């Protein structure tokens, strides 16, 4: 059976392994779509930066960068970010301040929403543009 998603799933040993039935990322055409990732250390599977949304955001971007690298791209190729904050009113400024550490203008398009996330403060998924093949 032919599928639009005929490319293999992207998995990185340098990102936390999925805890369910999903791939780190999938490619569709010239776009790479990641799963939502949290601030978990890829080797220890421990939560990083408990209570610190800025440090958690940094860990999430490190995890996402590892997945992108597996596909041969980087955070410079990100065109869209969707993020969820446990407490958007409290954490917005600290979360937003991390972006210039990982991205240069023009920044990716972004949606940030509040969500119930259990023990984590932030979860992020991204869409990246792949080089033309």
Protein backbone atom coordinates (compact mmCIF):
# COMPACT_ATOMS: atom_id res chain seq x y z
CA UNK A 1 0.00 0.00 0.00
CA UNK A 2 1.41 3.38 -1.00
CA UNK A 3 1.46 6.12 1.58
CA UNK A 4 2.06 9.85 1.55
CA UNK A 5 4.41 9.13 4.47
CA UNK A 6 6.66 6.77 2.57
CA UNK A 7 9.83 8.11 4.19
CA UNK A 8 11.09 6.43 7.35
CA UNK A 9 10.36 7.87 10.75
CA UNK A 10 13.09 10.03 12.27
CA UNK A 11 14.38 8.77 15.61
CA UNK A 12 17.39 10.12 17.51
CA UNK A 13 19.34 8.40 20.25
CA UNK A 14 20.23 11.92 21.46
CA UNK A 15 16.61 12.74 22.31
CA UNK A 16 14.39 11.07 24.92
CA UNK A 17 12.80 7.92 23.54
CA UNK A 18 9.05 8.18 22.98
CA UNK A 19 6.89 6.93 25.85
CA UNK A 20 4.09 5.89 23.55
CA UNK A 21 3.34 4.80 20.03
CA UNK A 22 4.74 7.74 18.07
CA UNK A 23 7.86 8.77 16.18
CA UNK A 24 10.17 11.62 17.08
CA UNK A 25 9.43 13.09 13.66
CA UNK A 26 7.97 12.36 10.24
CA UNK A 27 8.69 13.87 6.87
CA UNK A 28 5.92 14.94 4.50
CA UNK A 29 7.14 16.45 1.26
CA UNK A 30 9.67 19.15 2.09
CA UNK A 31 8.54 19.47 5.72
CA UNK A 32 9.60 17.71 8.90
CA UNK A 33 7.05 17.55 11.72
CA UNK A 34 8.21 16.66 15.23
CA UNK A 35 6.25 15.19 18.07
CA UNK A 36 5.77 17.37 21.12
CA UNK A 37 8.79 17.06 23.38
CA UNK A 38 9.23 17.90 27.02
CA UNK A 39 12.27 18.77 29.15
CA UNK A 40 13.53 15.24 29.69
CA UNK A 41 17.21 14.33 29.63
CA UNK A 42 17.74 11.88 26.75
CA UNK A 43 19.95 9.44 28.69
CA UNK A 44 18.62 9.56 32.25
CA UNK A 45 14.97 10.25 31.31
CA UNK A 46 14.87 12.61 34.28
CA UNK A 47 13.04 15.91 34.24
CA UNK A 48 15.47 18.81 33.70
CA UNK A 49 15.00 22.18 35.40
CA UNK A 50 12.15 21.40 37.78
CA UNK A 51 10.31 24.65 38.46
CA UNK A 52 12.43 26.64 35.95
CA UNK A 53 10.62 27.22 32.64
CA UNK A 54 13.68 28.81 31.02
CA UNK A 55 15.88 25.78 31.71
CA UNK A 56 13.10 23.43 30.66
CA UNK A 57 12.68 25.34 27.40
CA UNK A 58 16.43 25.07 26.74
CA UNK A 59 16.31 21.30 27.27
CA UNK A 60 13.36 20.94 24.93
CA UNK A 61 15.24 22.85 22.22
CA UNK A 62 18.33 20.66 22.76
CA UNK A 63 16.11 17.58 22.34
CA UNK A 64 14.50 19.00 19.22
CA UNK A 65 17.89 19.97 17.77
CA UNK A 66 19.03 16.34 18.13
CA UNK A 67 16.01 15.13 16.18
CA UNK A 68 16.55 17.73 13.45
CA UNK A 69 20.23 16.77 13.20
CA UNK A 70 19.19 13.15 12.59
CA UNK A 71 17.26 14.43 9.55
CA UNK A 72 20.18 16.60 8.37
CA UNK A 73 18.71 19.98 9.32
CA UNK A 74 18.99 22.37 12.26
CA UNK A 75 16.98 24.84 14.29
CA UNK A 76 17.79 27.40 11.57
CA UNK A 77 15.38 25.47 9.34
CA UNK A 78 12.42 25.76 11.73
CA UNK A 79 9.46 27.65 10.26
CA UNK A 80 6.77 27.02 12.90
CA UNK A 81 6.76 26.37 16.63
CA UNK A 82 3.78 25.23 18.67
CA UNK A 83 4.34 25.37 22.41
CA UNK A 84 2.30 24.65 25.49
CA UNK A 85 2.98 26.27 28.86
CA UNK A 86 1.58 24.99 32.12
CA UNK A 87 1.14 28.55 33.40
CA UNK A 88 1.27 31.02 30.54
CA UNK A 89 0.73 34.07 32.77
CA UNK A 90 3.58 33.20 35.14
CA UNK A 91 6.06 31.70 32.65
CA UNK A 92 5.65 33.64 29.39
CA UNK A 93 8.48 36.15 29.89
CA UNK A 94 11.09 33.58 30.99
CA UNK A 95 10.05 31.18 28.20
CA UNK A 96 10.12 33.91 25.55
CA UNK A 97 13.56 35.16 26.69
CA UNK A 98 15.13 31.80 25.72
CA UNK A 99 14.30 32.08 22.00
CA UNK A 100 17.22 34.37 21.01
CA UNK A 101 19.60 31.74 22.45
CA UNK A 102 18.44 29.29 19.76
CA UNK A 103 16.98 31.37 16.91
CA UNK A 104 17.97 34.44 14.92
CA UNK A 105 15.59 36.87 13.24
CA UNK A 106 13.45 36.36 11.33
CA UNK A 107 12.08 34.13 14.08
CA UNK A 108 9.86 31.15 13.24
CA UNK A 109 6.11 31.63 13.36
CA UNK A 110 4.85 30.58 16.76
CA UNK A 111 1.75 29.63 18.70
CA UNK A 112 1.92 29.36 22.49
CA UNK A 113 -1.02 28.13 24.52
CA UNK A 114 -1.73 27.11 28.08
CA UNK A 115 -2.17 23.40 28.83
CA UNK A 116 -2.25 20.90 31.65
CA UNK A 117 1.17 19.28 31.45
CA UNK A 118 1.54 17.40 34.72
CA UNK A 119 5.06 17.83 36.13
CA UNK A 120 6.53 19.72 33.18
CA UNK A 121 6.23 23.43 32.50
CA UNK A 122 6.66 23.41 28.70
CA UNK A 123 6.16 21.11 25.72
CA UNK A 124 7.12 22.10 22.17
CA UNK A 125 6.66 20.72 18.66
CA UNK A 126 8.12 22.18 15.50
CA UNK A 127 7.86 22.17 11.73
CA UNK A 128 11.10 22.52 9.76
CA UNK A 129 11.76 23.02 6.07
CA UNK A 130 13.99 20.37 4.54
CA UNK A 131 16.47 21.20 1.78
CA UNK A 132 15.21 20.45 -1.70
CA UNK A 133 16.21 16.93 -2.71
